[in-house]
Amino acid sequence: MADKTTNKRKFAKKLLHKYRLVILNEDTFEERLSFKLTRLNVFVTVTLSAIILIAATTYIIAFTPLKEYIPGYSSAQLKERAINLAYTTDSLQGVIKMNNQYLGSIKSVLTGDLEAYALNRDSVLTGSEYNEDMEVVTPSRADSLLREQVAQEDKYNILPGATENINFSLIAPVKGSISAEFDAEEKHFAVDIVVARNSPIKSVADGRVIFSEWTTETGYVIIVKHGYDLLSVYKHNASLTKAQGDVVRAGEVIATAGSTGEFTTGPHLHFELWNEGTPVDPTEYIDFN
């Protein structure tokens, strides 16, 4: 026991033993600079310097644009340009399809299969909204009765009772499998839909954007106010394409899917539906498959 105590004292003396670091002129041996050092303060200084260097490097990589120069990191501007180009390409495909139909109609006029007065570019634009391979079939009486019965049941009416005569339906913001269901008891007032990163997120109905900002916990969040006191909430997005105050239509792209915020486990859409201030289960009104 005494030996251990003696060794500890010797070790402490070594740490606190004073040394002098002297810098001399090699030619004249003139003392230019000197420092009083101990092994302890040298160790503390080196450790603190390493911690500060690591912290500064981490901050630069995580919170400054300098990380874009590190191999493997992509630029935010590059991502935004890629998304915009994807949307532009999709729009150009629709324009090309419409122009091809119009040129086909002109060809029909030139060959005599179509009268010139029947050629109308507006009609081609209207017709392009439907599938070319879809055959228009006149509904039978049984089909009409079935449609009327389904409409009366009002399966997708978000406000049953108070607004029974309102024909109000919602579309899916995105298609995918549900990883977490609506659970009011666990205070999970949403459904989590697993989707690929940067998948387009669509508005479930016509409305106006009342919130479009970044939050620490849920990343990029956008909230749309619809008719009949209905709110739809979209969280953990990679980016937002609409700003607060913008008017959106049903099916219009308002964001891209991602995994932003502290409360996320991977690329998915956290989707909430609120009716007159009360959360409701979105799966009762929307088919996500």
Protein backbone atom coordinates (compact mmCIF):
# COMPACT_ATOMS: atom_id res chain seq x y z
CA MET A 1 0.00 0.00 0.00
CA ALA A 2 2.85 2.34 0.85
CA ASP A 3 4.53 1.56 -2.48
CA LYS A 4 1.38 2.53 -4.38
CA THR A 5 1.12 5.81 -2.50
CA THR A 6 4.78 6.52 -3.18
CA ASN A 7 4.36 5.78 -6.89
CA LYS A 8 1.36 8.11 -7.09
CA ARG A 9 3.33 10.90 -5.47
CA LYS A 10 6.23 10.35 -7.84
CA PHE A 11 3.87 10.44 -10.82
CA ALA A 12 2.24 13.65 -9.56
CA LYS A 13 5.67 15.25 -9.07
CA LYS A 14 6.63 14.28 -12.62
CA LEU A 15 3.47 15.90 -13.98
CA LEU A 16 4.09 19.12 -12.03
CA HIS A 17 7.88 19.20 -12.47
CA LYS A 18 8.83 22.45 -14.20
CA TYR A 19 10.80 22.61 -17.43
CA ARG A 20 11.96 25.51 -19.53
CA LEU A 21 11.71 25.57 -23.30
CA VAL A 22 14.36 27.91 -24.68
CA ILE A 23 14.72 29.09 -28.28
CA LEU A 24 18.28 30.20 -29.14
CA ASN A 25 19.91 31.83 -32.09
CA GLU A 26 21.98 29.03 -33.64
CA ASP A 27 24.85 31.34 -34.60
CA THR A 28 25.13 33.58 -31.53
CA PHE A 29 23.40 31.35 -28.95
CA GLU A 30 21.36 34.41 -27.99
CA GLU A 31 18.19 33.50 -26.09
CA ARG A 32 15.25 34.70 -28.17
CA LEU A 33 12.28 33.11 -26.43
CA SER A 34 11.60 30.85 -23.45
CA PHE A 35 8.59 29.11 -21.88
CA LYS A 36 8.03 27.57 -18.49
CA LEU A 37 6.32 24.21 -18.97
CA THR A 38 5.14 21.22 -17.05
CA ARG A 39 4.04 17.89 -18.42
CA LEU A 40 0.52 18.55 -17.14
CA ASN A 41 -0.04 21.88 -18.88
CA VAL A 42 1.47 20.51 -22.10
CA PHE A 43 -0.99 17.60 -22.00
CA VAL A 44 -3.94 19.92 -21.25
CA THR A 45 -2.94 22.35 -24.02
CA VAL A 46 -2.59 19.60 -26.63
CA THR A 47 -5.90 17.99 -25.60
CA LEU A 48 -7.82 21.28 -25.72
CA SER A 49 -6.30 22.16 -29.09
CA ALA A 50 -7.35 18.78 -30.51
CA ILE A 51 -10.91 19.19 -29.17
CA ILE A 52 -11.20 22.71 -30.60
CA LEU A 53 -9.84 21.55 -33.96
CA ILE A 54 -12.30 18.63 -34.13
CA ALA A 55 -15.23 20.86 -33.11
CA ALA A 56 -14.32 23.52 -35.68
CA THR A 57 -13.98 20.92 -38.44
CA THR A 58 -17.34 19.36 -37.53
CA TYR A 59 -19.05 22.76 -37.54
CA ILE A 60 -17.59 23.69 -40.92
CA ILE A 61 -18.67 20.40 -42.49
CA ALA A 62 -22.17 20.40 -40.97
CA PHE A 63 -23.26 24.03 -41.14
CA THR A 64 -21.29 25.81 -43.86
CA PRO A 65 -21.28 25.55 -47.68
CA LEU A 66 -17.64 24.36 -47.55
CA LYS A 67 -18.91 20.78 -47.21
CA GLU A 68 -19.93 20.96 -50.88
CA TYR A 69 -16.23 20.78 -51.78
CA ILE A 70 -15.83 17.47 -49.95
CA PRO A 71 -16.22 14.42 -52.26
CA GLY A 72 -19.56 12.73 -51.65
CA TYR A 73 -21.54 15.85 -50.67
CA SER A 74 -23.92 17.31 -53.23
CA SER A 75 -24.85 20.97 -53.54
CA ALA A 76 -28.29 22.16 -52.43
CA GLN A 77 -28.50 24.27 -55.58
CA LEU A 78 -27.72 21.22 -57.68
CA LYS A 79 -30.54 19.27 -56.01
CA GLU A 80 -32.98 22.14 -56.57
CA ARG A 81 -31.98 22.39 -60.24
CA ALA A 82 -32.41 18.62 -60.68
CA ILE A 83 -35.91 18.72 -59.18
CA ASN A 84 -36.92 21.71 -61.31
CA LEU A 85 -35.57 19.97 -64.43
CA ALA A 86 -37.60 16.86 -63.56
CA TYR A 87 -40.78 18.92 -63.30
CA THR A 88 -39.95 20.78 -66.54
CA THR A 89 -39.32 17.48 -68.35
CA ASP A 90 -42.67 16.13 -67.20
CA SER A 91 -44.43 19.28 -68.48
CA LEU A 92 -42.58 19.10 -71.82
CA GLN A 93 -43.69 15.49 -72.27
CA GLY A 94 -47.30 16.62 -71.96
CA VAL A 95 -46.75 19.41 -74.48
CA ILE A 96 -45.07 17.01 -76.94
CA LYS A 97 -47.94 14.56 -76.58
CA MET A 98 -50.50 17.30 -77.29
CA ASN A 99 -48.53 18.57 -80.31
CA ASN A 100 -48.30 15.03 -81.71
CA GLN A 101 -52.08 14.68 -81.44
CA TYR A 102 -52.55 18.04 -83.15
CA LEU A 103 -50.16 17.07 -85.97
CA GLY A 104 -52.05 13.79 -86.33
CA SER A 105 -55.29 15.73 -86.73
CA ILE A 106 -53.67 17.94 -89.40
CA LYS A 107 -52.54 14.79 -91.20
CA SER A 108 -56.11 13.48 -91.09
CA VAL A 109 -57.33 16.73 -92.67
CA LEU A 110 -54.72 16.51 -95.42
CA THR A 111 -55.65 12.90 -96.22
CA GLY A 112 -59.36 13.69 -96.20
CA ASP A 113 -60.22 11.60 -93.13
CA LEU A 114 -61.25 14.69 -91.16
CA GLU A 115 -63.05 17.85 -92.21
CA ALA A 116 -61.08 21.06 -91.81
CA TYR A 117 -63.80 22.76 -89.78
CA ALA A 118 -63.56 19.95 -87.19
CA LEU A 119 -59.88 20.69 -86.50
CA ASN A 120 -59.62 22.61 -83.24
CA ARG A 121 -56.53 22.84 -81.06
CA ASP A 122 -58.68 23.43 -77.95
CA SER A 123 -60.44 20.12 -78.53
CA VAL A 124 -57.08 18.40 -78.80
CA LEU A 125 -56.03 19.97 -75.48
CA THR A 126 -59.22 18.76 -73.82
CA GLY A 127 -58.86 15.30 -75.31
CA SER A 128 -55.27 15.00 -74.10
CA GLU A 129 -56.51 14.88 -70.51
CA TYR A 130 -57.88 11.40 -71.16
CA ASN A 131 -56.08 8.19 -71.98
CA GLU A 132 -55.84 7.56 -75.71
CA ASP A 133 -56.45 3.85 -75.20
CA MET A 134 -59.53 4.43 -73.05
CA GLU A 135 -62.78 3.54 -74.75
CA VAL A 136 -65.80 5.68 -73.89
CA VAL A 137 -68.66 3.38 -72.92
CA THR A 138 -72.23 4.55 -72.34
CA PRO A 139 -73.16 3.54 -68.77
CA SER A 140 -75.96 1.03 -68.39
CA ARG A 141 -78.98 1.53 -66.14
CA ALA A 142 -77.53 -0.87 -63.52
CA ASP A 143 -74.25 1.04 -63.58
CA SER A 144 -76.05 4.35 -63.10
CA LEU A 145 -78.03 2.97 -60.16
CA LEU A 146 -74.84 1.64 -58.56
CA ARG A 147 -73.08 5.00 -58.96
CA GLU A 148 -76.05 6.78 -57.38
CA GLN A 149 -76.01 4.35 -54.44
CA VAL A 150 -72.30 4.85 -53.83
CA ALA A 151 -72.72 8.62 -54.00
CA GLN A 152 -75.52 8.50 -51.43
CA GLU A 153 -73.37 6.47 -49.06
CA ASP A 154 -70.89 9.38 -49.25
CA LYS A 155 -67.93 7.13 -48.49
CA TYR A 156 -65.32 9.86 -48.80
CA ASN A 157 -67.26 12.66 -47.13
CA ILE A 158 -64.96 14.18 -44.56
CA LEU A 159 -67.83 15.92 -42.73
CA PRO A 160 -70.70 13.40 -42.38
CA GLY A 161 -73.96 14.69 -40.97
CA ALA A 162 -73.31 18.44 -40.98
CA THR A 163 -72.53 18.50 -44.71
CA GLU A 164 -74.30 15.43 -46.07
CA ASN A 165 -75.12 17.07 -49.39
CA ILE A 166 -71.53 18.11 -50.15
CA ASN A 167 -69.65 16.04 -52.73
CA PHE A 168 -66.13 16.41 -51.31
CA SER A 169 -63.39 13.86 -51.98
CA LEU A 170 -59.63 13.73 -51.36
CA ILE A 171 -56.78 12.34 -53.44
CA ALA A 172 -53.70 10.58 -52.12
CA PRO A 173 -50.73 12.92 -51.53
CA VAL A 174 -48.40 10.04 -52.42
CA LYS A 175 -48.63 6.31 -53.06
CA GLY A 176 -46.78 3.92 -50.77
CA SER A 177 -46.95 1.50 -47.87
CA ILE A 178 -47.94 2.74 -44.41
CA SER A 179 -45.20 2.19 -41.83
CA ALA A 180 -47.03 3.79 -38.87
CA GLU A 181 -50.80 4.05 -38.62
CA PHE A 182 -53.02 6.68 -36.99
CA ASP A 183 -53.13 6.13 -33.21
CA ALA A 184 -54.91 8.78 -31.13
CA GLU A 185 -54.09 7.05 -27.83
CA GLU A 186 -50.35 7.21 -28.58
CA LYS A 187 -50.79 10.81 -29.83
CA HIS A 188 -49.67 9.82 -33.31
CA PHE A 189 -52.24 11.86 -35.23
CA ALA A 190 -50.97 10.86 -38.65
CA VAL A 191 -50.00 8.07 -40.99
CA ASP A 192 -46.39 7.58 -42.11
CA ILE A 193 -46.09 6.55 -45.77
CA VAL A 194 -42.76 5.09 -46.91
CA VAL A 195 -41.71 6.61 -50.25
CA ALA A 196 -38.55 7.12 -52.26
CA ARG A 197 -36.50 10.23 -51.54
CA ASN A 198 -37.52 13.30 -53.61
CA SER A 199 -40.87 11.73 -54.61
CA PRO A 200 -43.41 14.46 -55.45
CA ILE A 201 -45.90 15.24 -52.67
CA LYS A 202 -49.31 16.45 -53.90
CA SER A 203 -52.07 18.49 -52.31
CA VAL A 204 -55.06 16.31 -51.38
CA ALA A 205 -57.56 19.00 -52.42
CA ASP A 206 -57.89 22.62 -53.51
CA GLY A 207 -56.78 25.09 -50.85
CA ARG A 208 -54.34 27.73 -49.69
CA VAL A 209 -50.94 27.24 -48.04
CA ILE A 210 -51.02 28.67 -44.49
CA PHE A 211 -47.61 27.40 -43.34
CA SER A 212 -44.44 26.59 -45.29
CA GLU A 213 -41.30 26.63 -43.14
CA TRP A 214 -38.44 24.62 -41.64
CA THR A 215 -38.83 23.21 -38.11
CA THR A 216 -36.13 21.55 -36.01
CA GLU A 217 -38.20 18.49 -35.04
CA THR A 218 -40.07 17.75 -38.29
CA GLY A 219 -37.90 19.41 -40.96
CA TYR A 220 -39.64 21.08 -43.90
CA VAL A 221 -43.37 21.31 -43.11
CA ILE A 222 -46.23 22.58 -45.26
CA ILE A 223 -49.86 22.98 -44.15
CA VAL A 224 -52.75 23.54 -46.57
CA LYS A 225 -56.17 24.88 -45.53
CA HIS A 226 -59.05 23.47 -47.56
CA GLY A 227 -62.77 24.11 -47.56
CA TYR A 228 -65.09 23.05 -44.72
CA ASP A 229 -62.45 23.72 -42.00
CA LEU A 230 -60.20 20.93 -43.25
CA LEU A 231 -56.39 21.05 -42.82
CA SER A 232 -53.80 18.74 -44.37
CA VAL A 233 -50.28 18.61 -42.90
CA TYR A 234 -47.16 17.26 -44.66
CA LYS A 235 -43.93 16.81 -42.62
CA HIS A 236 -40.28 15.62 -43.02
CA ASN A 237 -40.10 16.88 -46.63
CA ALA A 238 -36.81 17.28 -48.49
CA SER A 239 -37.92 20.60 -50.01
CA LEU A 240 -41.00 22.78 -50.44
CA THR A 241 -42.26 24.09 -53.78
CA LYS A 242 -45.00 26.36 -52.41
CA ALA A 243 -44.81 29.35 -50.08
CA GLN A 244 -47.21 30.64 -47.47
CA GLY A 245 -50.24 32.26 -49.10
CA ASP A 246 -50.03 30.30 -52.39
CA VAL A 247 -53.24 28.83 -53.79
CA VAL A 248 -52.91 25.15 -54.75
CA ARG A 249 -55.11 22.76 -56.69
CA ALA A 250 -55.89 19.13 -55.96
CA GLY A 251 -53.01 16.98 -57.21
CA GLU A 252 -50.58 19.89 -57.52
CA VAL A 253 -47.00 19.19 -56.33
CA ILE A 254 -46.29 21.14 -53.14
CA ALA A 255 -43.16 19.38 -51.81
CA THR A 256 -40.73 16.51 -52.27
CA ALA A 257 -40.41 13.59 -49.87
CA GLY A 258 -37.37 13.33 -47.65
CA SER A 259 -36.13 12.62 -44.13
CA THR A 260 -35.56 16.03 -42.53
CA GLY A 261 -35.93 16.94 -38.88
CA GLU A 262 -34.91 15.25 -35.64
CA PHE A 263 -38.01 13.00 -35.39
CA THR A 264 -37.44 10.94 -38.55
CA THR A 265 -36.20 7.42 -39.24
CA GLY A 266 -35.88 7.50 -43.04
CA PRO A 267 -37.49 8.88 -46.20
CA HIS A 268 -41.25 9.03 -45.64
CA LEU A 269 -44.23 11.36 -45.53
CA HIS A 270 -45.81 12.16 -42.17
CA PHE A 271 -49.36 13.07 -43.23
CA GLU A 272 -52.01 14.51 -40.91
CA LEU A 273 -55.66 15.38 -41.56
CA TRP A 274 -57.54 17.75 -39.24
CA ASN A 275 -61.32 18.35 -39.38
CA GLU A 276 -62.55 21.43 -37.50
CA GLY A 277 -59.56 21.25 -35.15
CA THR A 278 -59.85 17.49 -34.55
CA PRO A 279 -57.39 14.93 -36.00
CA VAL A 280 -58.96 12.18 -38.11
CA ASP A 281 -57.60 8.95 -39.57
CA PRO A 282 -56.56 9.73 -43.17
CA THR A 283 -56.99 6.07 -44.23
CA GLU A 284 -60.76 6.41 -43.75
CA TYR A 285 -60.89 8.96 -46.57
CA ILE A 286 -57.83 8.30 -48.76
CA ASP A 287 -56.48 5.16 -50.44
CA PHE A 288 -52.65 5.27 -50.22
CA ASN A 289 -52.04 2.00 -52.11
